[in-house]
Protein backbone atom coordinates (compact mmCIF):
# COMPACT_ATOMS: atom_id res chain seq x y z
CA MET A 1 2.70 -19.14 -6.26
CA ALA A 2 1.77 -16.27 -8.57
CA ALA A 3 -1.95 -16.95 -8.11
CA GLY A 4 -1.43 -16.98 -4.33
CA TYR A 5 0.36 -13.64 -4.51
CA VAL A 6 -2.47 -12.11 -6.54
CA LEU A 7 -5.06 -13.47 -4.09
CA TYR A 8 -3.04 -12.16 -1.16
CA GLY A 9 -2.86 -8.76 -2.86
CA LEU A 10 -6.62 -8.69 -3.37
CA ALA A 11 -7.28 -9.87 0.19
CA GLY A 12 -4.87 -7.23 1.49
CA ALA A 13 -6.69 -4.49 -0.41
CA VAL A 14 -10.03 -5.62 1.01
CA TRP A 15 -8.49 -5.83 4.50
CA ILE A 16 -7.33 -2.20 4.25
CA MET A 17 -10.70 -1.08 2.88
CA VAL A 18 -12.50 -2.74 5.80
CA PHE A 19 -10.16 -1.97 8.70
CA VAL A 20 -8.39 1.30 7.74
CA CYS A 21 -10.35 3.20 5.09
CA PRO A 22 -13.46 3.81 7.23
CA PHE A 23 -11.28 5.95 9.52
CA CYS A 24 -9.78 7.98 6.67
CA ARG A 25 -10.95 11.43 5.62
CA PHE A 26 -11.07 10.18 2.02
CA TRP A 27 -13.65 7.48 2.90
CA GLY A 28 -16.43 7.59 0.34
CA SER A 29 -14.49 10.04 -1.82
CA ARG A 30 -13.09 9.94 -5.34
CA SER A 31 -10.11 11.87 -3.97
CA CYS A 32 -8.63 8.79 -2.27
CA PRO A 33 -5.03 8.41 -3.52
CA CYS A 34 -5.34 4.61 -3.33
CA GLY A 35 -8.63 4.55 -5.19
CA TYR A 36 -10.30 2.70 -2.33
CA GLY A 37 -12.47 5.50 -0.93
CA ARG A 38 -15.74 4.80 -2.73
CA ILE A 39 -15.34 1.02 -2.57
CA ALA A 40 -14.64 1.17 1.17
CA ALA A 41 -17.84 3.13 1.66
CA ARG A 42 -19.78 0.19 0.26
CA LEU A 43 -18.05 -2.27 2.60
CA ARG A 44 -18.27 -0.49 5.93
CA ASP A 45 -19.79 2.57 7.58
CA ARG A 46 -17.67 5.62 8.34
CA GLN A 47 -15.71 5.51 11.59
CA PRO A 48 -14.09 8.26 13.71
CA GLU A 49 -11.27 9.94 11.75
CA ASP A 50 -9.26 10.59 14.89
CA ARG A 51 -8.50 6.84 15.06
CA PHE A 52 -6.97 6.67 11.55
CA THR A 53 -3.34 6.63 12.72
CA GLU A 54 -4.06 3.92 15.28
CA LYS A 55 -5.87 1.73 12.75
CA PHE A 56 -3.26 2.34 10.04
CA LYS A 57 -0.41 1.30 12.34
CA LYS A 58 -2.31 -1.78 13.48
CA HIS A 59 -3.37 -3.07 10.06
CA ILE A 60 -0.65 -1.99 7.61
CA PRO A 61 1.60 -4.96 8.59
CA VAL A 62 -0.96 -7.19 6.87
CA ILE A 63 0.05 -5.84 3.45
CA VAL A 64 3.74 -4.98 3.97
CA PRO A 65 4.84 -8.49 2.91
CA LEU A 66 3.47 -7.73 -0.56
CA TRP A 67 6.56 -5.55 -1.10
CA PHE A 68 8.99 -8.28 -0.07
CA LEU A 69 7.46 -11.56 -1.25
CA PRO A 70 8.61 -11.10 -4.87
CA PHE A 71 12.22 -11.05 -3.63
CA VAL A 72 11.63 -14.04 -1.36
CA ALA A 73 10.39 -15.91 -4.43
CA ALA A 74 13.10 -14.62 -6.79
CA VAL A 75 16.18 -15.41 -4.67
CA PRO A 76 15.79 -19.21 -4.65
CA ASP A 77 15.10 -19.18 -8.39
CA LEU A 78 18.22 -17.09 -8.98
CA VAL A 79 20.30 -19.44 -6.82
CA ARG A 80 19.05 -22.47 -8.74
CA GLY A 81 19.63 -20.89 -12.11
CA PHE A 82 20.62 -17.29 -12.77
CA THR A 83 18.64 -15.54 -15.50
CA TRP A 84 18.89 -11.92 -16.53
CA GLY A 85 15.15 -11.85 -17.13
CA LEU A 86 14.43 -12.54 -13.46
CA VAL A 87 17.04 -10.00 -12.38
CA VAL A 88 15.43 -7.37 -14.60
CA LEU A 89 11.97 -8.18 -13.19
CA ALA A 90 13.24 -8.02 -9.60
CA VAL A 91 15.03 -4.72 -10.19
CA ALA A 92 11.98 -3.27 -11.98
CA PHE A 93 9.76 -4.33 -9.08
CA ALA A 94 12.19 -2.82 -6.56
CA LEU A 95 12.34 0.48 -8.44
CA ASP A 96 8.58 0.64 -8.66
CA ALA A 97 7.86 -0.43 -5.07
CA PHE A 98 10.66 1.41 -3.26
CA VAL A 99 11.42 4.44 -5.46
CA ILE A 100 8.68 5.36 -7.93
CA LEU A 101 5.61 4.61 -5.80
CA PRO A 102 6.88 6.38 -2.64
CA ARG A 103 8.04 9.39 -4.66
CA PHE A 104 4.74 9.59 -6.54
CA SER A 105 2.84 9.25 -3.25
CA THR A 106 4.75 12.03 -1.51
CA GLN A 107 4.58 14.39 -4.49
CA HIS A 108 0.91 13.83 -5.30
CA GLY A 109 -1.22 11.92 -2.79
CA CYS A 110 0.55 13.00 0.38
CA ARG A 111 0.89 16.66 -0.56
CA ASP A 112 -2.86 17.19 -0.59
CA CYS A 113 -3.76 14.68 2.10
CA PRO A 114 -5.69 16.21 5.00
CA GLN A 115 -4.13 13.61 7.34
CA ARG A 116 -0.49 14.09 6.30
CA GLU A 117 0.63 15.65 9.58
CA GLY A 118 -0.28 12.55 11.59
CA CYS A 119 0.51 9.99 8.93
CA PRO A 120 2.36 7.01 10.34
CA TRP A 121 3.57 6.00 6.85
CA MET A 122 4.96 9.15 5.29
CA GLY A 123 5.15 11.47 8.28
CA HIS A 124 5.66 15.09 7.33
CA LYS A 125 7.08 14.38 3.87
CA GLY A 126 3.87 15.37 2.15
CA SER A 127 4.02 18.94 3.44
CA ALA A 128 7.23 19.77 1.59
């Protein structure tokens, strides 16, 4: 299961680089907050930036399960046999995925993003 999750994560990153990144203003740039900008430029030619929001909304559901699958896997294990180690891992993942990463994104990546006003993910949070 873990290997499948890792492969899904890698496939999801490539999916975003192919179907979303070419529409982003950070395409081909080292300034990309995700770190995908320069890699995406090797995978696909630049596309019209005015379609970024449309493409983001269409393709982001492909990777959203990556934030929830660890809980889907942890719950049955916890039901079968409770362990504090698994609880700690699940809580640590939740804090990272739902608190630390979004906060870091809004305070660093989103603040300087040239597409923050039309961002379907963070909205206007980055302008604060």
